[in-house]
Amino acid sequence: MTKIGWGVLGDAKIAREQLNPAIDAAHNAELMAVASRRSGLSYEALLARDDIQAVYIPLPNHLHVPWAIKALEAGKHVLCEKPIALSAQELLPLLNTRPDLLLAEAFMVLWHPQWSMVEHLIAEGAIGELRHIDSHFSYYNADPGNVRNQPNMGGGGLLDIGCYPLYSARRLFGDEPLQAASMITQDPATQVDTTCSVMVAFPGARHLTFYVSTLMSPAQELVVHGTEGRIIVTRPYNPVANEPSEIKLERRDQPLVFHSQHSESCNQYQLQVEAFSASILDGSLAWPRSRDHILAQSRALDLIRSSCLRVDDRQA
């Protein structure tokens, strides 16, 4: 076998615009089927096919765990959109299902070379000792019918995009959070969180601060701050595919002088698919983030939500 046969459960926008084309472009993957009302193929029928070894799940958040379990039980490796579960408690049955198969949360940012550049700069001491990470991520979506605005489907900004700054900090700090404090604004009409401001403490007196919003103009940035300088990632989460991404470095001994670097052009979704497929093809099932790492991410999100002060939009 030189290519992994992929199946996709659902016709979500991210699948149509990102993952399906990425599977088609990957050198070691082939899109065999999409199960949806549009295609007329049921999820169960897709999971029964012998020509499919891997399944991508872009369904609404509340359907991730049940369908991931079904896919694993059908003998399929699973790449599931983030967040993979609504809580760590919901996640546990999934983590115990078919541990011999590959299960991954689809953080495509793991594969973009700009993150390797940031890690290299930190490792070589370009900013001294890493002390603080600050980030923001936002878009505008006021459509009450959209799944991101449905509380019973796991909607809201923290789960949808707040997972990215948290994931990035856990990666760069190489540690898990100790404490969190958050202020979360909940829309009284949709009952989902629309704006979240968060502070997270990590071991070694290191901090993460971030805000995310589903009702602000689109924006994103991440700043990695150390004792000797800081790194600014201008588009940390969804850089333009096949265009270089810019990273800026400012040092304490050269204040307000920015040294720009650009990563190589790539499609992070394609790189993710190729890495996942390669892990199956070589038989190692090697993946940089284990099931324990998936659980740690979910627990960190739980920590933020359990520490929140909720603000009703009518009071804000």
C-alpha atoms as a PDB file:
ATOM      1  CA  MET A   1       0.000   0.000   0.000  1.00  0.00           C
ATOM      2  CA  THR A   2       1.392   3.389  -1.025  1.00  0.00           C
ATOM      3  CA  LYS A   3      -1.627   5.532  -0.236  1.00  0.00           C
ATOM      4  CA  ILE A   4      -4.103   5.685   2.618  1.00  0.00           C
ATOM      5  CA  GLY A   5      -7.777   5.695   1.647  1.00  0.00           C
ATOM      6  CA  TRP A   6      -9.623   8.471   3.461  1.00  0.00           C
ATOM      7  CA  GLY A   7     -13.291   8.925   4.235  1.00  0.00           C
ATOM      8  CA  VAL A   8     -14.919  12.093   5.555  1.00  0.00           C
ATOM      9  CA  LEU A   9     -17.976  12.157   7.814  1.00  0.00           C
ATOM     10  CA  GLY A  10     -20.035  15.196   6.915  1.00  0.00           C
ATOM     11  CA  ASP A  11     -19.996  18.095   4.526  1.00  0.00           C
ATOM     12  CA  ALA A  12     -18.649  20.816   6.826  1.00  0.00           C
ATOM     13  CA  LYS A  13     -17.102  23.938   5.349  1.00  0.00           C
ATOM     14  CA  ILE A  14     -13.648  23.130   6.723  1.00  0.00           C
ATOM     15  CA  ALA A  15     -13.806  19.760   4.994  1.00  0.00           C
ATOM     16  CA  ARG A  16     -14.932  21.183   1.656  1.00  0.00           C
ATOM     17  CA  GLU A  17     -12.467  24.073   1.654  1.00  0.00           C
ATOM     18  CA  GLN A  18      -9.451  22.668   3.497  1.00  0.00           C
ATOM     19  CA  LEU A  19      -9.225  18.970   4.335  1.00  0.00           C
ATOM     20  CA  ASN A  20     -10.775  17.415   1.238  1.00  0.00           C
ATOM     21  CA  PRO A  21      -8.462  19.388  -1.087  1.00  0.00           C
ATOM     22  CA  ALA A  22      -5.556  18.597   1.255  1.00  0.00           C
ATOM     23  CA  ILE A  23      -6.253  14.862   0.977  1.00  0.00           C
ATOM     24  CA  ASP A  24      -6.425  15.166  -2.808  1.00  0.00           C
ATOM     25  CA  ALA A  25      -3.094  17.031  -2.870  1.00  0.00           C
ATOM     26  CA  ALA A  26      -1.276  14.706  -0.447  1.00  0.00           C
ATOM     27  CA  HIS A  27       1.180  12.317  -2.094  1.00  0.00           C
ATOM     28  CA  ASN A  28       0.276   9.425   0.206  1.00  0.00           C
ATOM     29  CA  ALA A  29      -3.495   9.827   0.575  1.00  0.00           C
ATOM     30  CA  GLU A  30      -6.607   9.404  -1.543  1.00  0.00           C
ATOM     31  CA  LEU A  31     -10.104  10.680  -0.816  1.00  0.00           C
ATOM     32  CA  MET A  32     -12.378   7.693  -1.329  1.00  0.00           C
ATOM     33  CA  ALA A  33     -15.732   8.965  -0.080  1.00  0.00           C
ATOM     34  CA  VAL A  34     -17.618  11.725   1.727  1.00  0.00           C
ATOM     35  CA  ALA A  35     -20.663  10.706   3.729  1.00  0.00           C
ATOM     36  CA  SER A  36     -23.384  13.357   3.737  1.00  0.00           C
ATOM     37  CA  ARG A  37     -26.933  14.093   2.675  1.00  0.00           C
ATOM     38  CA  ARG A  38     -25.512  15.624  -0.476  1.00  0.00           C
ATOM     39  CA  SER A  39     -23.583  12.486  -1.456  1.00  0.00           C
ATOM     40  CA  GLY A  40     -26.314  10.094  -0.357  1.00  0.00           C
ATOM     41  CA  LEU A  41     -23.782   7.937   1.519  1.00  0.00           C
ATOM     42  CA  SER A  42     -24.507   7.267   5.189  1.00  0.00           C
ATOM     43  CA  TYR A  43     -21.872   7.477   7.898  1.00  0.00           C
ATOM     44  CA  GLU A  44     -22.384   3.796   8.705  1.00  0.00           C
ATOM     45  CA  ALA A  45     -21.904   2.799   5.058  1.00  0.00           C
ATOM     46  CA  LEU A  46     -18.688   4.761   4.833  1.00  0.00           C
ATOM     47  CA  LEU A  47     -17.285   3.138   7.977  1.00  0.00           C
ATOM     48  CA  ALA A  48     -18.068  -0.300   6.519  1.00  0.00           C
ATOM     49  CA  ARG A  49     -15.948   0.234   3.412  1.00  0.00           C
ATOM     50  CA  ASP A  50     -12.742  -1.792   3.121  1.00  0.00           C
ATOM     51  CA  ASP A  51     -11.006   0.767   0.898  1.00  0.00           C
ATOM     52  CA  ILE A  52     -10.996   3.365   3.702  1.00  0.00           C
ATOM     53  CA  GLN A  53      -8.319   3.171   6.393  1.00  0.00           C
ATOM     54  CA  ALA A  54      -8.569   6.699   7.863  1.00  0.00           C
ATOM     55  CA  VAL A  55     -11.561   8.858   8.717  1.00  0.00           C
ATOM     56  CA  TYR A  56     -11.684  12.624   9.142  1.00  0.00           C
ATOM     57  CA  ILE A  57     -14.465  13.949  11.391  1.00  0.00           C
ATOM     58  CA  PRO A  58     -15.471  17.618  10.940  1.00  0.00           C
ATOM     59  CA  LEU A  59     -18.919  17.239  12.506  1.00  0.00           C
ATOM     60  CA  PRO A  60     -20.350  19.657  15.110  1.00  0.00           C
ATOM     61  CA  ASN A  61     -18.493  19.385  18.410  1.00  0.00           C
ATOM     62  CA  HIS A  62     -21.116  17.336  20.275  1.00  0.00           C
ATOM     63  CA  LEU A  63     -20.870  14.569  17.655  1.00  0.00           C
ATOM     64  CA  HIS A  64     -17.094  14.163  17.750  1.00  0.00           C
ATOM     65  CA  VAL A  65     -16.815  11.583  20.517  1.00  0.00           C
ATOM     66  CA  PRO A  66     -19.664   9.235  19.494  1.00  0.00           C
ATOM     67  CA  TRP A  67     -18.624   9.089  15.852  1.00  0.00           C
ATOM     68  CA  ALA A  68     -14.930   8.839  16.650  1.00  0.00           C
ATOM     69  CA  ILE A  69     -15.723   5.825  18.836  1.00  0.00           C
ATOM     70  CA  LYS A  70     -17.762   4.257  16.035  1.00  0.00           C
ATOM     71  CA  ALA A  71     -14.984   4.876  13.522  1.00  0.00           C
ATOM     72  CA  LEU A  72     -12.346   3.313  15.787  1.00  0.00           C
ATOM     73  CA  GLU A  73     -14.590   0.335  16.499  1.00  0.00           C
ATOM     74  CA  ALA A  74     -14.911  -0.076  12.715  1.00  0.00           C
ATOM     75  CA  GLY A  75     -11.115  -0.343  12.533  1.00  0.00           C
ATOM     76  CA  LYS A  76     -10.458   3.134  11.121  1.00  0.00           C
ATOM     77  CA  HIS A  77      -7.752   5.541  12.205  1.00  0.00           C
ATOM     78  CA  VAL A  78      -9.321   8.857  13.231  1.00  0.00           C
ATOM     79  CA  LEU A  79      -8.375  12.480  12.666  1.00  0.00           C
ATOM     80  CA  CYS A  80     -11.009  14.548  14.468  1.00  0.00           C
ATOM     81  CA  GLU A  81     -11.577  18.276  14.443  1.00  0.00           C
ATOM     82  CA  LYS A  82     -10.835  20.239  17.543  1.00  0.00           C
ATOM     83  CA  PRO A  83     -12.075  20.328  20.198  1.00  0.00           C
ATOM     84  CA  ILE A  84     -12.309  16.579  20.103  1.00  0.00           C
ATOM     85  CA  ALA A  85     -14.620  16.578  23.140  1.00  0.00           C
ATOM     86  CA  LEU A  86     -16.798  18.985  25.108  1.00  0.00           C
ATOM     87  CA  SER A  87     -15.044  18.025  28.351  1.00  0.00           C
ATOM     88  CA  ALA A  88     -12.359  15.724  29.687  1.00  0.00           C
ATOM     89  CA  GLN A  89     -15.031  13.527  31.257  1.00  0.00           C
ATOM     90  CA  GLU A  90     -16.741  13.019  27.896  1.00  0.00           C
ATOM     91  CA  LEU A  91     -13.382  12.235  26.318  1.00  0.00           C
ATOM     92  CA  LEU A  92     -12.418   9.293  28.546  1.00  0.00           C
ATOM     93  CA  PRO A  93     -14.452   6.547  26.796  1.00  0.00           C
ATOM     94  CA  LEU A  94     -12.950   7.581  23.456  1.00  0.00           C
ATOM     95  CA  LEU A  95      -9.380   7.426  24.735  1.00  0.00           C
ATOM     96  CA  ASN A  96      -9.948   3.854  25.893  1.00  0.00           C
ATOM     97  CA  THR A  97     -11.272   2.700  22.502  1.00  0.00           C
ATOM     98  CA  ARG A  98      -8.923   0.744  20.210  1.00  0.00           C
ATOM     99  CA  PRO A  99      -5.588   2.075  21.513  1.00  0.00           C
ATOM    100  CA  ASP A 100      -3.920   0.145  18.691  1.00  0.00           C
ATOM    101  CA  LEU A 101      -5.285   2.686  16.189  1.00  0.00           C
ATOM    102  CA  LEU A 102      -4.204   6.256  15.565  1.00  0.00           C
ATOM    103  CA  LEU A 103      -6.414   8.921  17.128  1.00  0.00           C
ATOM    104  CA  ALA A 104      -5.474  12.570  16.653  1.00  0.00           C
ATOM    105  CA  GLU A 105      -6.978  15.977  17.284  1.00  0.00           C
ATOM    106  CA  ALA A 106      -6.722  18.016  14.094  1.00  0.00           C
ATOM    107  CA  PHE A 107      -4.445  20.851  15.199  1.00  0.00           C
ATOM    108  CA  MET A 108      -3.069  21.592  11.749  1.00  0.00           C
ATOM    109  CA  VAL A 109      -0.814  24.305  13.235  1.00  0.00           C
ATOM    110  CA  LEU A 110       1.388  21.518  14.578  1.00  0.00           C
ATOM    111  CA  TRP A 111       2.763  21.057  11.086  1.00  0.00           C
ATOM    112  CA  HIS A 112       3.349  24.611   9.866  1.00  0.00           C
ATOM    113  CA  PRO A 113       7.099  25.375   9.680  1.00  0.00           C
ATOM    114  CA  GLN A 114       6.645  28.784  11.283  1.00  0.00           C
ATOM    115  CA  TRP A 115       6.200  27.034  14.631  1.00  0.00           C
ATOM    116  CA  SER A 116       9.464  25.165  14.221  1.00  0.00           C
ATOM    117  CA  MET A 117      11.114  28.529  13.550  1.00  0.00           C
ATOM    118  CA  VAL A 118       9.650  29.960  16.762  1.00  0.00           C
ATOM    119  CA  GLU A 119      10.804  26.940  18.754  1.00  0.00           C
ATOM    120  CA  HIS A 120      14.284  27.214  17.227  1.00  0.00           C
ATOM    121  CA  LEU A 121      14.541  30.905  18.144  1.00  0.00           C
ATOM    122  CA  ILE A 122      13.517  30.137  21.715  1.00  0.00           C
ATOM    123  CA  ALA A 123      15.937  27.201  21.989  1.00  0.00           C
ATOM    124  CA  GLU A 124      18.897  29.219  20.727  1.00  0.00           C
ATOM    125  CA  GLY A 125      18.211  31.967  23.282  1.00  0.00           C
ATOM    126  CA  ALA A 126      17.066  34.670  20.876  1.00  0.00           C
ATOM    127  CA  ILE A 127      14.624  36.035  23.484  1.00  0.00           C
ATOM    128  CA  GLY A 128      16.374  34.830  26.628  1.00  0.00           C
ATOM    129  CA  GLU A 129      14.183  32.983  29.119  1.00  0.00           C
ATOM    130  CA  LEU A 130      10.608  32.537  27.921  1.00  0.00           C
ATOM    131  CA  ARG A 131       8.270  34.252  30.390  1.00  0.00           C
ATOM    132  CA  HIS A 132       4.982  35.129  28.753  1.00  0.00           C
ATOM    133  CA  ILE A 133       2.778  34.352  25.767  1.00  0.00           C
ATOM    134  CA  ASP A 134      -0.007  36.669  24.654  1.00  0.00           C
ATOM    135  CA  SER A 135      -2.460  36.030  21.840  1.00  0.00           C
ATOM    136  CA  HIS A 136      -5.777  36.949  20.309  1.00  0.00           C
ATOM    137  CA  PHE A 137      -8.002  35.293  17.731  1.00  0.00           C
ATOM    138  CA  SER A 138     -11.367  36.542  16.494  1.00  0.00           C
ATOM    139  CA  TYR A 139     -13.960  36.485  13.752  1.00  0.00           C
ATOM    140  CA  TYR A 140     -17.504  37.816  13.328  1.00  0.00           C
ATOM    141  CA  ASN A 141     -20.404  35.356  13.176  1.00  0.00           C
ATOM    142  CA  ALA A 142     -23.796  36.556  14.433  1.00  0.00           C
ATOM    143  CA  ASP A 143     -25.825  33.934  12.544  1.00  0.00           C
ATOM    144  CA  PRO A 144     -28.091  32.276  15.156  1.00  0.00           C
ATOM    145  CA  GLY A 145     -28.466  29.227  12.936  1.00  0.00           C
ATOM    146  CA  ASN A 146     -24.735  28.547  12.682  1.00  0.00           C
ATOM    147  CA  VAL A 147     -23.492  25.529  14.652  1.00  0.00           C
ATOM    148  CA  ARG A 148     -20.961  27.756  16.421  1.00  0.00           C
ATOM    149  CA  ASN A 149     -23.896  29.592  18.000  1.00  0.00           C
ATOM    150  CA  GLN A 150     -25.715  26.455  19.171  1.00  0.00           C
ATOM    151  CA  PRO A 151     -25.063  25.675  22.864  1.00  0.00           C
ATOM    152  CA  ASN A 152     -26.346  22.091  22.571  1.00  0.00           C
ATOM    153  CA  MET A 153     -23.796  21.469  19.798  1.00  0.00           C
ATOM    154  CA  GLY A 154     -20.799  22.703  21.766  1.00  0.00           C
ATOM    155  CA  GLY A 155     -20.797  26.169  20.236  1.00  0.00           C
ATOM    156  CA  GLY A 156     -19.027  29.253  21.545  1.00  0.00           C
ATOM    157  CA  GLY A 157     -15.712  30.986  21.096  1.00  0.00           C
ATOM    158  CA  LEU A 158     -13.642  29.242  23.766  1.00  0.00           C
ATOM    159  CA  LEU A 159     -14.044  25.755  22.324  1.00  0.00           C
ATOM    160  CA  ASP A 160     -13.954  26.905  18.699  1.00  0.00           C
ATOM    161  CA  ILE A 161     -10.889  29.162  18.724  1.00  0.00           C
ATOM    162  CA  GLY A 162      -9.772  29.532  22.349  1.00  0.00           C
ATOM    163  CA  CYS A 163      -8.263  26.079  21.995  1.00  0.00           C
ATOM    164  CA  TYR A 164      -5.574  27.519  19.679  1.00  0.00           C
ATOM    165  CA  PRO A 165      -3.772  29.933  22.067  1.00  0.00           C
ATOM    166  CA  LEU A 166      -4.008  27.310  24.797  1.00  0.00           C
ATOM    167  CA  TYR A 167      -2.577  24.601  22.551  1.00  0.00           C
ATOM    168  CA  SER A 168       0.204  26.929  21.387  1.00  0.00           C
ATOM    169  CA  ALA A 169       1.225  27.845  24.929  1.00  0.00           C
ATOM    170  CA  ARG A 170       1.265  24.220  26.042  1.00  0.00           C
ATOM    171  CA  ARG A 171       3.496  23.459  23.073  1.00  0.00           C
ATOM    172  CA  LEU A 172       5.942  26.328  23.582  1.00  0.00           C
ATOM    173  CA  PHE A 173       6.102  26.091  27.385  1.00  0.00           C
ATOM    174  CA  GLY A 174       6.305  22.306  27.202  1.00  0.00           C
ATOM    175  CA  ASP A 175       4.166  22.102  30.295  1.00  0.00           C
ATOM    176  CA  GLU A 176       0.606  22.005  31.581  1.00  0.00           C
ATOM    177  CA  PRO A 177      -1.278  24.885  33.238  1.00  0.00           C
ATOM    178  CA  LEU A 178      -1.557  25.181  37.002  1.00  0.00           C
ATOM    179  CA  GLN A 179      -4.259  27.812  37.423  1.00  0.00           C
ATOM    180  CA  ALA A 180      -6.551  29.910  35.278  1.00  0.00           C
ATOM    181  CA  ALA A 181      -8.822  32.923  35.565  1.00  0.00           C
ATOM    182  CA  SER A 182     -11.252  33.953  32.876  1.00  0.00           C
ATOM    183  CA  MET A 183     -14.024  36.379  32.103  1.00  0.00           C
ATOM    184  CA  ILE A 184     -16.560  35.020  29.641  1.00  0.00           C
ATOM    185  CA  THR A 185     -19.343  37.002  28.012  1.00  0.00           C
ATOM    186  CA  GLN A 186     -22.374  34.917  27.149  1.00  0.00           C
ATOM    187  CA  ASP A 187     -24.907  36.022  24.580  1.00  0.00           C
ATOM    188  CA  PRO A 188     -28.376  35.953  26.198  1.00  0.00           C
ATOM    189  CA  ALA A 189     -30.026  34.988  22.911  1.00  0.00           C
ATOM    190  CA  THR A 190     -27.794  32.124  21.789  1.00  0.00           C
ATOM    191  CA  GLN A 191     -26.487  31.127  25.248  1.00  0.00           C
ATOM    192  CA  VAL A 192     -22.975  30.631  23.888  1.00  0.00           C
ATOM    193  CA  ASP A 193     -19.815  32.440  24.906  1.00  0.00           C
ATOM    194  CA  THR A 194     -18.958  35.193  22.434  1.00  0.00           C
ATOM    195  CA  THR A 195     -15.933  36.826  24.043  1.00  0.00           C
ATOM    196  CA  CYS A 196     -13.440  35.266  26.442  1.00  0.00           C
ATOM    197  CA  SER A 197     -10.507  36.935  28.208  1.00  0.00           C
ATOM    198  CA  VAL A 198      -8.194  34.443  29.870  1.00  0.00           C
ATOM    199  CA  MET A 199      -5.124  34.305  32.117  1.00  0.00           C
ATOM    200  CA  VAL A 200      -3.324  31.005  32.656  1.00  0.00           C
ATOM    201  CA  ALA A 201      -0.418  30.254  35.003  1.00  0.00           C
ATOM    202  CA  PHE A 202       2.194  27.665  34.004  1.00  0.00           C
ATOM    203  CA  PRO A 203       5.040  26.200  36.067  1.00  0.00           C
ATOM    204  CA  GLY A 204       8.133  28.368  36.418  1.00  0.00           C
ATOM    205  CA  ALA A 205       6.195  31.628  36.909  1.00  0.00           C
ATOM    206  CA  ARG A 206       5.271  31.702  33.220  1.00  0.00           C
ATOM    207  CA  HIS A 207       1.971  33.068  31.992  1.00  0.00           C
ATOM    208  CA  LEU A 208      -0.398  32.914  29.042  1.00  0.00           C
ATOM    209  CA  THR A 209      -2.937  35.650  28.382  1.00  0.00           C
ATOM    210  CA  PHE A 210      -5.349  35.652  25.473  1.00  0.00           C
ATOM    211  CA  TYR A 211      -8.724  36.766  24.272  1.00  0.00           C
ATOM    212  CA  VAL A 212     -10.972  35.263  21.628  1.00  0.00           C
ATOM    213  CA  SER A 213     -14.236  36.484  20.189  1.00  0.00           C
ATOM    214  CA  THR A 214     -16.849  35.387  17.687  1.00  0.00           C
ATOM    215  CA  LEU A 215     -18.291  38.901  17.466  1.00  0.00           C
ATOM    216  CA  MET A 216     -15.242  40.986  16.581  1.00  0.00           C
ATOM    217  CA  SER A 217     -13.558  41.824  13.307  1.00  0.00           C
ATOM    218  CA  PRO A 218     -11.216  39.055  12.150  1.00  0.00           C
ATOM    219  CA  ALA A 219      -7.775  39.256  13.740  1.00  0.00           C
ATOM    220  CA  GLN A 220      -5.039  37.025  15.088  1.00  0.00           C
ATOM    221  CA  GLU A 221      -1.548  37.360  16.537  1.00  0.00           C
ATOM    222  CA  LEU A 222       0.734  35.656  19.023  1.00  0.00           C
ATOM    223  CA  VAL A 223       3.568  37.283  20.988  1.00  0.00           C
ATOM    224  CA  VAL A 224       6.213  35.185  22.738  1.00  0.00           C
ATOM    225  CA  HIS A 225       8.005  37.360  25.311  1.00  0.00           C
ATOM    226  CA  GLY A 226      11.269  36.598  27.072  1.00  0.00           C
ATOM    227  CA  THR A 227      13.898  38.311  29.181  1.00  0.00           C
ATOM    228  CA  GLU A 228      15.934  39.417  26.149  1.00  0.00           C
ATOM    229  CA  GLY A 229      13.331  39.975  23.479  1.00  0.00           C
ATOM    230  CA  ARG A 230      10.061  38.911  21.934  1.00  0.00           C
ATOM    231  CA  ILE A 231       8.792  37.032  18.883  1.00  0.00           C
ATOM    232  CA  ILE A 232       5.660  38.149  17.046  1.00  0.00           C
ATOM    233  CA  VAL A 233       3.822  35.617  14.892  1.00  0.00           C
ATOM    234  CA  THR A 234       1.585  37.663  12.639  1.00  0.00           C
ATOM    235  CA  ARG A 235      -0.779  34.877  11.497  1.00  0.00           C
ATOM    236  CA  PRO A 236      -0.263  32.022  13.945  1.00  0.00           C
ATOM    237  CA  TYR A 237      -3.365  29.930  13.357  1.00  0.00           C
ATOM    238  CA  ASN A 238      -4.521  30.080   9.747  1.00  0.00           C
ATOM    239  CA  PRO A 239      -1.726  31.561   7.652  1.00  0.00           C
ATOM    240  CA  VAL A 240      -2.422  31.903   3.960  1.00  0.00           C
ATOM    241  CA  ALA A 241      -1.784  28.575   2.275  1.00  0.00           C
ATOM    242  CA  ASN A 242       1.239  28.353  -0.027  1.00  0.00           C
ATOM    243  CA  GLU A 243       2.524  31.788   0.967  1.00  0.00           C
ATOM    244  CA  PRO A 244       5.443  32.515   3.332  1.00  0.00           C
ATOM    245  CA  SER A 245       4.447  33.401   6.897  1.00  0.00           C
ATOM    246  CA  GLU A 246       6.111  36.325   8.662  1.00  0.00           C
ATOM    247  CA  ILE A 247       7.756  36.113  12.065  1.00  0.00           C
ATOM    248  CA  LYS A 248       9.214  39.217  13.721  1.00  0.00           C
ATOM    249  CA  LEU A 249      11.985  39.270  16.303  1.00  0.00           C
ATOM    250  CA  GLU A 250      12.653  42.258  18.579  1.00  0.00           C
ATOM    251  CA  ARG A 251      15.539  42.221  21.065  1.00  0.00           C
ATOM    252  CA  ARG A 252      15.992  44.194  24.286  1.00  0.00           C
ATOM    253  CA  ASP A 253      19.324  45.545  23.092  1.00  0.00           C
ATOM    254  CA  GLN A 254      17.655  46.807  19.898  1.00  0.00           C
ATOM    255  CA  PRO A 255      14.272  48.155  21.014  1.00  0.00           C
ATOM    256  CA  LEU A 256      11.730  48.873  18.261  1.00  0.00           C
ATOM    257  CA  VAL A 257      13.994  47.223  15.665  1.00  0.00           C
ATOM    258  CA  PHE A 258      12.249  44.225  14.177  1.00  0.00           C
ATOM    259  CA  HIS A 259      14.057  41.480  12.299  1.00  0.00           C
ATOM    260  CA  SER A 260      11.581  39.724  10.018  1.00  0.00           C
ATOM    261  CA  GLN A 261      11.853  36.107   8.952  1.00  0.00           C
ATOM    262  CA  HIS A 262       9.589  34.198   6.617  1.00  0.00           C
ATOM    263  CA  SER A 263       8.784  30.512   6.740  1.00  0.00           C
ATOM    264  CA  GLU A 264       8.651  28.397   3.627  1.00  0.00           C
ATOM    265  CA  SER A 265       5.430  28.291   1.637  1.00  0.00           C
ATOM    266  CA  CYS A 266       3.187  25.372   2.500  1.00  0.00           C
ATOM    267  CA  ASN A 267      -0.326  24.131   3.130  1.00  0.00           C
ATOM    268  CA  GLN A 268      -0.524  23.098   6.782  1.00  0.00           C
ATOM    269  CA  TYR A 269      -3.607  20.952   6.157  1.00  0.00           C
ATOM    270  CA  GLN A 270      -1.811  18.965   3.470  1.00  0.00           C
ATOM    271  CA  LEU A 271       1.210  18.506   5.737  1.00  0.00           C
ATOM    272  CA  GLN A 272      -1.101  17.244   8.478  1.00  0.00           C
ATOM    273  CA  VAL A 273      -2.746  14.690   6.168  1.00  0.00           C
ATOM    274  CA  GLU A 274       0.629  13.494   4.870  1.00  0.00           C
ATOM    275  CA  ALA A 275       2.024  13.084   8.380  1.00  0.00           C
ATOM    276  CA  PHE A 276      -1.064  11.190   9.531  1.00  0.00           C
ATOM    277  CA  SER A 277      -0.998   8.929   6.477  1.00  0.00           C
ATOM    278  CA  ALA A 278       2.733   8.292   6.862  1.00  0.00           C
ATOM    279  CA  SER A 279       2.221   7.227  10.480  1.00  0.00           C
ATOM    280  CA  ILE A 280      -0.169   4.537   9.246  1.00  0.00           C
ATOM    281  CA  LEU A 281       1.829   3.449   6.205  1.00  0.00           C
ATOM    282  CA  ASP A 282       5.109   2.898   8.048  1.00  0.00           C
ATOM    283  CA  GLY A 283       3.349   0.873  10.721  1.00  0.00           C
ATOM    284  CA  SER A 284       4.755   2.908  13.577  1.00  0.00           C
ATOM    285  CA  LEU A 285       1.619   4.956  14.271  1.00  0.00           C
ATOM    286  CA  ALA A 286       4.084   7.588  15.457  1.00  0.00           C
ATOM    287  CA  TRP A 287       2.399  10.913  16.164  1.00  0.00           C
ATOM    288  CA  PRO A 288       3.821  13.907  18.043  1.00  0.00           C
ATOM    289  CA  ARG A 289       0.761  14.179  20.276  1.00  0.00           C
ATOM    290  CA  SER A 290      -0.374  11.079  22.159  1.00  0.00           C
ATOM    291  CA  ARG A 291      -3.818  10.344  23.566  1.00  0.00           C
ATOM    292  CA  ASP A 292      -2.527  11.610  26.910  1.00  0.00           C
ATOM    293  CA  HIS A 293      -1.797  14.931  25.222  1.00  0.00           C
ATOM    294  CA  ILE A 294      -5.372  15.072  23.891  1.00  0.00           C
ATOM    295  CA  LEU A 295      -6.642  14.544  27.444  1.00  0.00           C
ATOM    296  CA  ALA A 296      -4.333  17.254  28.813  1.00  0.00           C
ATOM    297  CA  GLN A 297      -5.685  19.765  26.284  1.00  0.00           C
ATOM    298  CA  SER A 298      -9.257  18.948  27.279  1.00  0.00           C
ATOM    299  CA  ARG A 299      -8.452  19.259  30.968  1.00  0.00           C
ATOM    300  CA  ALA A 300      -6.839  22.639  30.366  1.00  0.00           C
ATOM    301  CA  LEU A 301     -10.010  23.885  28.668  1.00  0.00           C
ATOM    302  CA  ASP A 302     -12.029  22.558  31.612  1.00  0.00           C
ATOM    303  CA  LEU A 303      -9.739  24.490  33.961  1.00  0.00           C
ATOM    304  CA  ILE A 304     -10.431  27.740  32.119  1.00  0.00           C
ATOM    305  CA  ARG A 305     -14.202  27.226  32.122  1.00  0.00           C
ATOM    306  CA  SER A 306     -14.288  26.254  35.794  1.00  0.00           C
ATOM    307  CA  SER A 307     -12.480  29.480  36.724  1.00  0.00           C
ATOM    308  CA  CYS A 308     -14.719  31.824  34.765  1.00  0.00           C
ATOM    309  CA  LEU A 309     -16.741  34.852  35.728  1.00  0.00           C
ATOM    310  CA  ARG A 310     -19.657  34.860  33.288  1.00  0.00           C
ATOM    311  CA  VAL A 311     -20.974  38.195  32.094  1.00  0.00           C
ATOM    312  CA  ASP A 312     -24.412  38.448  30.480  1.00  0.00           C
ATOM    313  CA  ASP A 313     -24.400  40.647  27.379  1.00  0.00           C
ATOM    314  CA  ARG A 314     -27.251  42.651  28.875  1.00  0.00           C
ATOM    315  CA  GLN A 315     -25.008  43.596  31.798  1.00  0.00           C
ATOM    316  CA  ALA A 316     -21.787  44.116  29.849  1.00  0.00           C
END
